[in-house]
Amino acid sequence: MKSRKNIVGPRIRRLRYEQHLTQEQLSARVGRLGWDISRGTLSQIEAQIRCVTDFELVCLAKALGITADALLPAAPQVKKVIAEFFPEGPSD
């Protein structure tokens, strides 16, 4: 299995669908906020192939009309997400 590079991609995709936006439309919104992002880069983020920086997270959230923390998993899901990203468990 390929290693996932972010935990926000699926939420970004879902919110984009809910707002009836194409990847091109969301890319354009983000571009107006100062981040020149291509449709292909957005696709990689949604597919969890590409990492997302803190600036990018805030920019995507603003373009979707939500807060950045709304893109993160809910507290009850955090342990599950951590286990998926680090299946070998904590390192000492």
PDB file of N, CA and C in Angstrom:
ATOM      1  N   MET A   1       0.837  -1.181   0.000  1.00  0.00           N
ATOM      2  CA  MET A   1       0.000   0.000   0.000  1.00  0.00           C
ATOM      3  C   MET A   1       0.884   1.247   0.000  1.00  0.00           C
ATOM      4  N   LYS A   2       0.495   2.215  -0.822  1.00  0.00           N
ATOM      5  CA  LYS A   2       1.242   3.462  -0.859  1.00  0.00           C
ATOM      6  C   LYS A   2       1.020   4.252   0.415  1.00  0.00           C
ATOM      7  N   SER A   3       2.066   4.900   0.860  1.00  0.00           N
ATOM      8  CA  SER A   3       1.974   5.751   2.039  1.00  0.00           C
ATOM      9  C   SER A   3       1.164   6.998   1.723  1.00  0.00           C
ATOM     10  N   ARG A   4       0.233   7.335   2.591  1.00  0.00           N
ATOM     11  CA  ARG A   4      -0.555   8.553   2.414  1.00  0.00           C
ATOM     12  C   ARG A   4       0.267   9.747   2.869  1.00  0.00           C
ATOM     13  N   LYS A   5       0.091  10.853   2.174  1.00  0.00           N
ATOM     14  CA  LYS A   5       0.893  12.035   2.458  1.00  0.00           C
ATOM     15  C   LYS A   5       0.138  13.115   3.216  1.00  0.00           C
ATOM     16  N   ASN A   6      -1.175  12.974   3.371  1.00  0.00           N
ATOM     17  CA  ASN A   6      -1.936  13.958   4.140  1.00  0.00           C
ATOM     18  C   ASN A   6      -3.222  13.322   4.664  1.00  0.00           C
ATOM     19  N   ILE A   7      -3.828  13.949   5.639  1.00  0.00           N
ATOM     20  CA  ILE A   7      -5.074  13.435   6.205  1.00  0.00           C
ATOM     21  C   ILE A   7      -6.277  14.292   5.822  1.00  0.00           C
ATOM     22  N   VAL A   8      -6.058  15.346   5.059  1.00  0.00           N
ATOM     23  CA  VAL A   8      -7.142  16.268   4.738  1.00  0.00           C
ATOM     24  C   VAL A   8      -7.717  16.082   3.338  1.00  0.00           C
ATOM     25  N   GLY A   9      -7.041  15.344   2.492  1.00  0.00           N
ATOM     26  CA  GLY A   9      -7.471  15.195   1.105  1.00  0.00           C
ATOM     27  C   GLY A   9      -8.905  14.739   0.922  1.00  0.00           C
ATOM     28  N   PRO A  10      -9.319  13.658   1.573  1.00  0.00           N
ATOM     29  CA  PRO A  10     -10.703  13.207   1.391  1.00  0.00           C
ATOM     30  C   PRO A  10     -11.742  14.235   1.855  1.00  0.00           C
ATOM     31  N   ARG A  11     -11.431  14.955   2.899  1.00  0.00           N
ATOM     32  CA  ARG A  11     -12.369  15.986   3.395  1.00  0.00           C
ATOM     33  C   ARG A  11     -12.460  17.143   2.392  1.00  0.00           C
ATOM     34  N   ILE A  12     -11.329  17.529   1.808  1.00  0.00           N
ATOM     35  CA  ILE A  12     -11.336  18.586   0.790  1.00  0.00           C
ATOM     36  C   ILE A  12     -12.202  18.146  -0.384  1.00  0.00           C
ATOM     37  N   ARG A  13     -12.013  16.906  -0.831  1.00  0.00           N
ATOM     38  CA  ARG A  13     -12.803  16.390  -1.957  1.00  0.00           C
ATOM     39  C   ARG A  13     -14.296  16.398  -1.623  1.00  0.00           C
ATOM     40  N   ARG A  14     -14.648  15.931  -0.431  1.00  0.00           N
ATOM     41  CA  ARG A  14     -16.061  15.863  -0.048  1.00  0.00           C
ATOM     42  C   ARG A  14     -16.686  17.258   0.002  1.00  0.00           C
ATOM     43  N   LEU A  15     -15.977  18.208   0.603  1.00  0.00           N
ATOM     44  CA  LEU A  15     -16.494  19.575   0.686  1.00  0.00           C
ATOM     45  C   LEU A  15     -16.616  20.207  -0.700  1.00  0.00           C
ATOM     46  N   ARG A  16     -15.676  19.904  -1.564  1.00  0.00           N
ATOM     47  CA  ARG A  16     -15.738  20.430  -2.932  1.00  0.00           C
ATOM     48  C   ARG A  16     -16.977  19.879  -3.647  1.00  0.00           C
ATOM     49  N   TYR A  17     -17.220  18.580  -3.502  1.00  0.00           N
ATOM     50  CA  TYR A  17     -18.419  17.977  -4.100  1.00  0.00           C
ATOM     51  C   TYR A  17     -19.694  18.600  -3.526  1.00  0.00           C
ATOM     52  N   GLU A  18     -19.719  18.773  -2.203  1.00  0.00           N
ATOM     53  CA  GLU A  18     -20.903  19.341  -1.554  1.00  0.00           C
ATOM     54  C   GLU A  18     -21.194  20.753  -2.048  1.00  0.00           C
ATOM     55  N   GLN A  19     -20.146  21.484  -2.406  1.00  0.00           N
ATOM     56  CA  GLN A  19     -20.311  22.850  -2.901  1.00  0.00           C
ATOM     57  C   GLN A  19     -20.459  22.901  -4.429  1.00  0.00           C
ATOM     58  N   HIS A  20     -20.530  21.723  -5.046  1.00  0.00           N
ATOM     59  CA  HIS A  20     -20.700  21.605  -6.502  1.00  0.00           C
ATOM     60  C   HIS A  20     -19.600  22.345  -7.262  1.00  0.00           C
ATOM     61  N   LEU A  21     -18.365  22.180  -6.772  1.00  0.00           N
ATOM     62  CA  LEU A  21     -17.208  22.808  -7.415  1.00  0.00           C
ATOM     63  C   LEU A  21     -16.401  21.755  -8.160  1.00  0.00           C
ATOM     64  N   THR A  22     -15.891  22.125  -9.319  1.00  0.00           N
ATOM     65  CA  THR A  22     -14.927  21.268  -9.995  1.00  0.00           C
ATOM     66  C   THR A  22     -13.549  21.546  -9.395  1.00  0.00           C
ATOM     67  N   GLN A  23     -12.593  20.692  -9.718  1.00  0.00           N
ATOM     68  CA  GLN A  23     -11.230  20.953  -9.259  1.00  0.00           C
ATOM     69  C   GLN A  23     -10.714  22.249  -9.863  1.00  0.00           C
ATOM     70  N   GLU A  24     -11.082  22.534 -11.089  1.00  0.00           N
ATOM     71  CA  GLU A  24     -10.660  23.778 -11.729  1.00  0.00           C
ATOM     72  C   GLU A  24     -11.221  24.993 -10.995  1.00  0.00           C
ATOM     73  N   GLN A  25     -12.490  24.912 -10.575  1.00  0.00           N
ATOM     74  CA  GLN A  25     -13.107  26.033  -9.875  1.00  0.00           C
ATOM     75  C   GLN A  25     -12.464  26.269  -8.510  1.00  0.00           C
ATOM     76  N   LEU A  26     -12.192  25.178  -7.780  1.00  0.00           N
ATOM     77  CA  LEU A  26     -11.536  25.341  -6.480  1.00  0.00           C
ATOM     78  C   LEU A  26     -10.111  25.857  -6.666  1.00  0.00           C
ATOM     79  N   SER A  27      -9.423  25.366  -7.678  1.00  0.00           N
ATOM     80  CA  SER A  27      -8.070  25.863  -7.974  1.00  0.00           C
ATOM     81  C   SER A  27      -8.095  27.361  -8.247  1.00  0.00           C
ATOM     82  N   ALA A  28      -9.099  27.825  -8.982  1.00  0.00           N
ATOM     83  CA  ALA A  28      -9.213  29.254  -9.283  1.00  0.00           C
ATOM     84  C   ALA A  28      -9.477  30.060  -8.015  1.00  0.00           C
ATOM     85  N   ARG A  29     -10.332  29.555  -7.140  1.00  0.00           N
ATOM     86  CA  ARG A  29     -10.590  30.246  -5.857  1.00  0.00           C
ATOM     87  C   ARG A  29      -9.310  30.373  -5.052  1.00  0.00           C
ATOM     88  N   VAL A  30      -8.567  29.283  -4.986  1.00  0.00           N
ATOM     89  CA  VAL A  30      -7.315  29.281  -4.227  1.00  0.00           C
ATOM     90  C   VAL A  30      -6.325  30.252  -4.865  1.00  0.00           C
ATOM     91  N   GLY A  31      -6.295  30.286  -6.180  1.00  0.00           N
ATOM     92  CA  GLY A  31      -5.406  31.201  -6.896  1.00  0.00           C
ATOM     93  C   GLY A  31      -5.684  32.659  -6.563  1.00  0.00           C
ATOM     94  N   ARG A  32      -6.963  32.995  -6.407  1.00  0.00           N
ATOM     95  CA  ARG A  32      -7.313  34.377  -6.049  1.00  0.00           C
ATOM     96  C   ARG A  32      -6.860  34.727  -4.636  1.00  0.00           C
ATOM     97  N   LEU A  33      -6.575  33.720  -3.845  1.00  0.00           N
ATOM     98  CA  LEU A  33      -6.077  33.949  -2.486  1.00  0.00           C
ATOM     99  C   LEU A  33      -4.548  34.008  -2.434  1.00  0.00           C
ATOM    100  N   GLY A  34      -3.894  33.793  -3.561  1.00  0.00           N
ATOM    101  CA  GLY A  34      -2.443  33.939  -3.606  1.00  0.00           C
ATOM    102  C   GLY A  34      -1.639  32.682  -3.768  1.00  0.00           C
ATOM    103  N   TRP A  35      -2.299  31.539  -3.933  1.00  0.00           N
ATOM    104  CA  TRP A  35      -1.561  30.286  -4.132  1.00  0.00           C
ATOM    105  C   TRP A  35      -1.904  29.764  -5.520  1.00  0.00           C
ATOM    106  N   ASP A  36      -0.937  29.749  -6.397  1.00  0.00           N
ATOM    107  CA  ASP A  36      -1.134  29.274  -7.762  1.00  0.00           C
ATOM    108  C   ASP A  36      -1.073  27.753  -7.764  1.00  0.00           C
ATOM    109  N   ILE A  37      -2.239  27.119  -7.755  1.00  0.00           N
ATOM    110  CA  ILE A  37      -2.327  25.661  -7.689  1.00  0.00           C
ATOM    111  C   ILE A  37      -3.004  25.149  -8.956  1.00  0.00           C
ATOM    112  N   SER A  38      -2.467  24.095  -9.508  1.00  0.00           N
ATOM    113  CA  SER A  38      -3.070  23.509 -10.710  1.00  0.00           C
ATOM    114  C   SER A  38      -4.144  22.495 -10.314  1.00  0.00           C
ATOM    115  N   ARG A  39      -4.974  22.135 -11.274  1.00  0.00           N
ATOM    116  CA  ARG A  39      -5.976  21.102 -11.037  1.00  0.00           C
ATOM    117  C   ARG A  39      -5.289  19.782 -10.685  1.00  0.00           C
ATOM    118  N   GLY A  40      -4.171  19.511 -11.338  1.00  0.00           N
ATOM    119  CA  GLY A  40      -3.432  18.281 -11.075  1.00  0.00           C
ATOM    120  C   GLY A  40      -2.896  18.210  -9.654  1.00  0.00           C
ATOM    121  N   THR A  41      -2.401  19.327  -9.147  1.00  0.00           N
ATOM    122  CA  THR A  41      -1.916  19.362  -7.762  1.00  0.00           C
ATOM    123  C   THR A  41      -3.057  19.149  -6.789  1.00  0.00           C
ATOM    124  N   LEU A  42      -4.191  19.790  -7.051  1.00  0.00           N
ATOM    125  CA  LEU A  42      -5.363  19.588  -6.195  1.00  0.00           C
ATOM    126  C   LEU A  42      -5.802  18.128  -6.223  1.00  0.00           C
ATOM    127  N   SER A  43      -5.756  17.516  -7.386  1.00  0.00           N
ATOM    128  CA  SER A  43      -6.100  16.100  -7.510  1.00  0.00           C
ATOM    129  C   SER A  43      -5.182  15.236  -6.652  1.00  0.00           C
ATOM    130  N   GLN A  44      -3.898  15.540  -6.661  1.00  0.00           N
ATOM    131  CA  GLN A  44      -2.937  14.785  -5.845  1.00  0.00           C
ATOM    132  C   GLN A  44      -3.195  14.984  -4.354  1.00  0.00           C
ATOM    133  N   ILE A  45      -3.591  16.182  -3.963  1.00  0.00           N
ATOM    134  CA  ILE A  45      -3.915  16.447  -2.552  1.00  0.00           C
ATOM    135  C   ILE A  45      -5.144  15.645  -2.148  1.00  0.00           C
ATOM    136  N   GLU A  46      -6.179  15.691  -2.985  1.00  0.00           N
ATOM    137  CA  GLU A  46      -7.408  14.964  -2.673  1.00  0.00           C
ATOM    138  C   GLU A  46      -7.170  13.459  -2.597  1.00  0.00           C
ATOM    139  N   ALA A  47      -6.245  12.958  -3.412  1.00  0.00           N
ATOM    140  CA  ALA A  47      -5.924  11.533  -3.422  1.00  0.00           C
ATOM    141  C   ALA A  47      -4.906  11.152  -2.351  1.00  0.00           C
ATOM    142  N   GLN A  48      -4.492  12.105  -1.536  1.00  0.00           N
ATOM    143  CA  GLN A  48      -3.531  11.912  -0.449  1.00  0.00           C
ATOM    144  C   GLN A  48      -2.141  11.512  -0.955  1.00  0.00           C
ATOM    145  N   ILE A  49      -1.813  11.936  -2.157  1.00  0.00           N
ATOM    146  CA  ILE A  49      -0.506  11.641  -2.743  1.00  0.00           C
ATOM    147  C   ILE A  49       0.493  12.734  -2.404  1.00  0.00           C
ATOM    148  N   ARG A  50       0.006  13.957  -2.267  1.00  0.00           N
ATOM    149  CA  ARG A  50       0.869  15.118  -2.035  1.00  0.00           C
ATOM    150  C   ARG A  50       0.649  15.681  -0.638  1.00  0.00           C
ATOM    151  N   CYS A  51       1.741  16.102  -0.018  1.00  0.00           N
ATOM    152  CA  CYS A  51       1.672  16.752   1.293  1.00  0.00           C
ATOM    153  C   CYS A  51       1.027  18.126   1.170  1.00  0.00           C
ATOM    154  N   VAL A  52       0.507  18.612   2.294  1.00  0.00           N
ATOM    155  CA  VAL A  52      -0.122  19.929   2.347  1.00  0.00           C
ATOM    156  C   VAL A  52       0.588  20.732   3.436  1.00  0.00           C
ATOM    157  N   THR A  53       1.100  21.904   3.073  1.00  0.00           N
ATOM    158  CA  THR A  53       1.754  22.758   4.066  1.00  0.00           C
ATOM    159  C   THR A  53       0.701  23.493   4.884  1.00  0.00           C
ATOM    160  N   ASP A  54       1.131  24.129   5.951  1.00  0.00           N
ATOM    161  CA  ASP A  54       0.188  24.879   6.781  1.00  0.00           C
ATOM    162  C   ASP A  54      -0.447  26.021   6.000  1.00  0.00           C
ATOM    163  N   PHE A  55       0.334  26.747   5.204  1.00  0.00           N
ATOM    164  CA  PHE A  55      -0.217  27.822   4.373  1.00  0.00           C
ATOM    165  C   PHE A  55      -1.266  27.276   3.412  1.00  0.00           C
ATOM    166  N   GLU A  56      -0.949  26.150   2.779  1.00  0.00           N
ATOM    167  CA  GLU A  56      -1.872  25.553   1.819  1.00  0.00           C
ATOM    168  C   GLU A  56      -3.161  25.102   2.497  1.00  0.00           C
ATOM    169  N   LEU A  57      -3.044  24.544   3.692  1.00  0.00           N
ATOM    170  CA  LEU A  57      -4.216  24.110   4.444  1.00  0.00           C
ATOM    171  C   LEU A  57      -5.139  25.291   4.731  1.00  0.00           C
ATOM    172  N   VAL A  58      -4.564  26.392   5.194  1.00  0.00           N
ATOM    173  CA  VAL A  58      -5.352  27.590   5.494  1.00  0.00           C
ATOM    174  C   VAL A  58      -5.977  28.146   4.220  1.00  0.00           C
ATOM    175  N   CYS A  59      -5.231  28.158   3.138  1.00  0.00           N
ATOM    176  CA  CYS A  59      -5.721  28.687   1.870  1.00  0.00           C
ATOM    177  C   CYS A  59      -6.878  27.830   1.333  1.00  0.00           C
ATOM    178  N   LEU A  60      -6.738  26.524   1.374  1.00  0.00           N
ATOM    179  CA  LEU A  60      -7.809  25.638   0.927  1.00  0.00           C
ATOM    180  C   LEU A  60      -9.062  25.818   1.778  1.00  0.00           C
ATOM    181  N   ALA A  61      -8.869  25.915   3.091  1.00  0.00           N
ATOM    182  CA  ALA A  61     -10.011  26.107   3.985  1.00  0.00           C
ATOM    183  C   ALA A  61     -10.734  27.411   3.669  1.00  0.00           C
ATOM    184  N   LYS A  62      -9.973  28.476   3.503  1.00  0.00           N
ATOM    185  CA  LYS A  62     -10.575  29.778   3.194  1.00  0.00           C
ATOM    186  C   LYS A  62     -11.336  29.720   1.873  1.00  0.00           C
ATOM    187  N   ALA A  63     -10.769  29.062   0.875  1.00  0.00           N
ATOM    188  CA  ALA A  63     -11.430  28.939  -0.432  1.00  0.00           C
ATOM    189  C   ALA A  63     -12.723  28.135  -0.337  1.00  0.00           C
ATOM    190  N   LEU A  64     -12.777  27.218   0.631  1.00  0.00           N
ATOM    191  CA  LEU A  64     -13.986  26.409   0.838  1.00  0.00           C
ATOM    192  C   LEU A  64     -14.953  27.058   1.830  1.00  0.00           C
ATOM    193  N   GLY A  65     -14.540  28.186   2.420  1.00  0.00           N
ATOM    194  CA  GLY A  65     -15.405  28.906   3.352  1.00  0.00           C
ATOM    195  C   GLY A  65     -15.534  28.262   4.712  1.00  0.00           C
ATOM    196  N   ILE A  66     -14.466  27.585   5.140  1.00  0.00           N
ATOM    197  CA  ILE A  66     -14.453  26.921   6.444  1.00  0.00           C
ATOM    198  C   ILE A  66     -13.173  27.268   7.185  1.00  0.00           C
ATOM    199  N   THR A  67     -13.054  26.817   8.425  1.00  0.00           N
ATOM    200  CA  THR A  67     -11.818  27.005   9.176  1.00  0.00           C
ATOM    201  C   THR A  67     -10.858  25.862   8.864  1.00  0.00           C
ATOM    202  N   ALA A  68      -9.581  26.109   9.066  1.00  0.00           N
ATOM    203  CA  ALA A  68      -8.580  25.078   8.792  1.00  0.00           C
ATOM    204  C   ALA A  68      -8.789  23.845   9.664  1.00  0.00           C
ATOM    205  N   ASP A  69      -9.175  24.038  10.918  1.00  0.00           N
ATOM    206  CA  ASP A  69      -9.359  22.873  11.786  1.00  0.00           C
ATOM    207  C   ASP A  69     -10.540  22.007  11.345  1.00  0.00           C
ATOM    208  N   ALA A  70     -11.453  22.565  10.561  1.00  0.00           N
ATOM    209  CA  ALA A  70     -12.579  21.781  10.040  1.00  0.00           C
ATOM    210  C   ALA A  70     -12.123  20.755   9.002  1.00  0.00           C
ATOM    211  N   LEU A  71     -10.904  20.912   8.476  1.00  0.00           N
ATOM    212  CA  LEU A  71     -10.370  19.944   7.524  1.00  0.00           C
ATOM    213  C   LEU A  71      -9.709  18.753   8.218  1.00  0.00           C
ATOM    214  N   LEU A  72      -9.462  18.876   9.504  1.00  0.00           N
ATOM    215  CA  LEU A  72      -8.803  17.803  10.248  1.00  0.00           C
ATOM    216  C   LEU A  72      -9.827  16.805  10.775  1.00  0.00           C
ATOM    217  N   PRO A  73      -9.407  15.576  11.048  1.00  0.00           N
ATOM    218  CA  PRO A  73     -10.342  14.575  11.550  1.00  0.00           C
ATOM    219  C   PRO A  73     -10.909  14.975  12.914  1.00  0.00           C
ATOM    220  N   ALA A  74     -12.121  14.524  13.182  1.00  0.00           N
ATOM    221  CA  ALA A  74     -12.740  14.760  14.481  1.00  0.00           C
ATOM    222  C   ALA A  74     -11.949  14.011  15.543  1.00  0.00           C
ATOM    223  N   ALA A  75     -11.982  14.513  16.765  1.00  0.00           N
ATOM    224  CA  ALA A  75     -11.197  13.942  17.870  1.00  0.00           C
ATOM    225  C   ALA A  75     -11.344  12.425  18.000  1.00  0.00           C
ATOM    226  N   PRO A  76     -12.547  11.848  17.919  1.00  0.00           N
ATOM    227  CA  PRO A  76     -12.658  10.387  18.055  1.00  0.00           C
ATOM    228  C   PRO A  76     -11.945   9.606  16.957  1.00  0.00           C
ATOM    229  N   GLN A  77     -11.703  10.246  15.824  1.00  0.00           N
ATOM    230  CA  GLN A  77     -11.056   9.560  14.702  1.00  0.00           C
ATOM    231  C   GLN A  77      -9.541   9.684  14.717  1.00  0.00           C
ATOM    232  N   VAL A  78      -9.005  10.503  15.592  1.00  0.00           N
ATOM    233  CA  VAL A  78      -7.565  10.767  15.584  1.00  0.00           C
ATOM    234  C   VAL A  78      -6.757   9.493  15.810  1.00  0.00           C
ATOM    235  N   LYS A  79      -7.132   8.652  16.772  1.00  0.00           N
ATOM    236  CA  LYS A  79      -6.381   7.415  17.026  1.00  0.00           C
ATOM    237  C   LYS A  79      -6.384   6.514  15.798  1.00  0.00           C
ATOM    238  N   LYS A  80      -7.512   6.430  15.129  1.00  0.00           N
ATOM    239  CA  LYS A  80      -7.602   5.606  13.923  1.00  0.00           C
ATOM    240  C   LYS A  80      -6.682   6.151  12.837  1.00  0.00           C
ATOM    241  N   VAL A  81      -6.689   7.458  12.647  1.00  0.00           N
ATOM    242  CA  VAL A  81      -5.840   8.088  11.633  1.00  0.00           C
ATOM    243  C   VAL A  81      -4.366   7.847  11.957  1.00  0.00           C
ATOM    244  N   ILE A  82      -3.998   8.005  13.211  1.00  0.00           N
ATOM    245  CA  ILE A  82      -2.606   7.782  13.619  1.00  0.00           C
ATOM    246  C   ILE A  82      -2.203   6.340  13.354  1.00  0.00           C
ATOM    247  N   ALA A  83      -3.083   5.406  13.679  1.00  0.00           N
ATOM    248  CA  ALA A  83      -2.785   3.986  13.451  1.00  0.00           C
ATOM    249  C   ALA A  83      -2.630   3.686  11.959  1.00  0.00           C
ATOM    250  N   GLU A  84      -3.409   4.349  11.112  1.00  0.00           N
ATOM    251  CA  GLU A  84      -3.289   4.138   9.670  1.00  0.00           C
ATOM    252  C   GLU A  84      -1.974   4.701   9.136  1.00  0.00           C
ATOM    253  N   PHE A  85      -1.552   5.836   9.665  1.00  0.00           N
ATOM    254  CA  PHE A  85      -0.314   6.460   9.197  1.00  0.00           C
ATOM    255  C   PHE A  85       0.921   5.774   9.774  1.00  0.00           C
ATOM    256  N   PHE A  86       0.792   5.238  10.972  1.00  0.00           N
ATOM    257  CA  PHE A  86       1.924   4.609  11.651  1.00  0.00           C
ATOM    258  C   PHE A  86       1.534   3.223  12.147  1.00  0.00           C
ATOM    259  N   PRO A  87       1.339   2.262  11.236  1.00  0.00           N
ATOM    260  CA  PRO A  87       0.858   0.938  11.635  1.00  0.00           C
ATOM    261  C   PRO A  87       1.825   0.165  12.528  1.00  0.00           C
ATOM    262  N   GLU A  88       3.099   0.543  12.519  1.00  0.00           N
ATOM    263  CA  GLU A  88       4.076  -0.146  13.350  1.00  0.00           C
ATOM    264  C   GLU A  88       4.034   0.295  14.802  1.00  0.00           C
ATOM    265  N   GLY A  89       3.228   1.299  15.102  1.00  0.00           N
ATOM    266  CA  GLY A  89       3.115   1.785  16.472  1.00  0.00           C
ATOM    267  C   GLY A  89       4.168   2.828  16.779  1.00  0.00           C
ATOM    268  N   PRO A  90       4.156   3.326  18.010  1.00  0.00           N
ATOM    269  CA  PRO A  90       5.113   4.369  18.389  1.00  0.00           C
ATOM    270  C   PRO A  90       6.540   3.841  18.416  1.00  0.00           C
ATOM    271  N   SER A  91       7.458   4.732  18.072  1.00  0.00           N
ATOM    272  CA  SER A  91       8.870   4.348  18.157  1.00  0.00           C
ATOM    273  C   SER A  91       9.472   4.990  19.393  1.00  0.00           C
ATOM    274  N   ASP A  92      10.331   4.258  20.034  1.00  0.00           N
ATOM    275  CA  ASP A  92      10.993   4.758  21.254  1.00  0.00           C
ATOM    276  C   ASP A  92      12.454   4.979  21.034  1.00  0.00           C
TER     277      ASP A  92
END
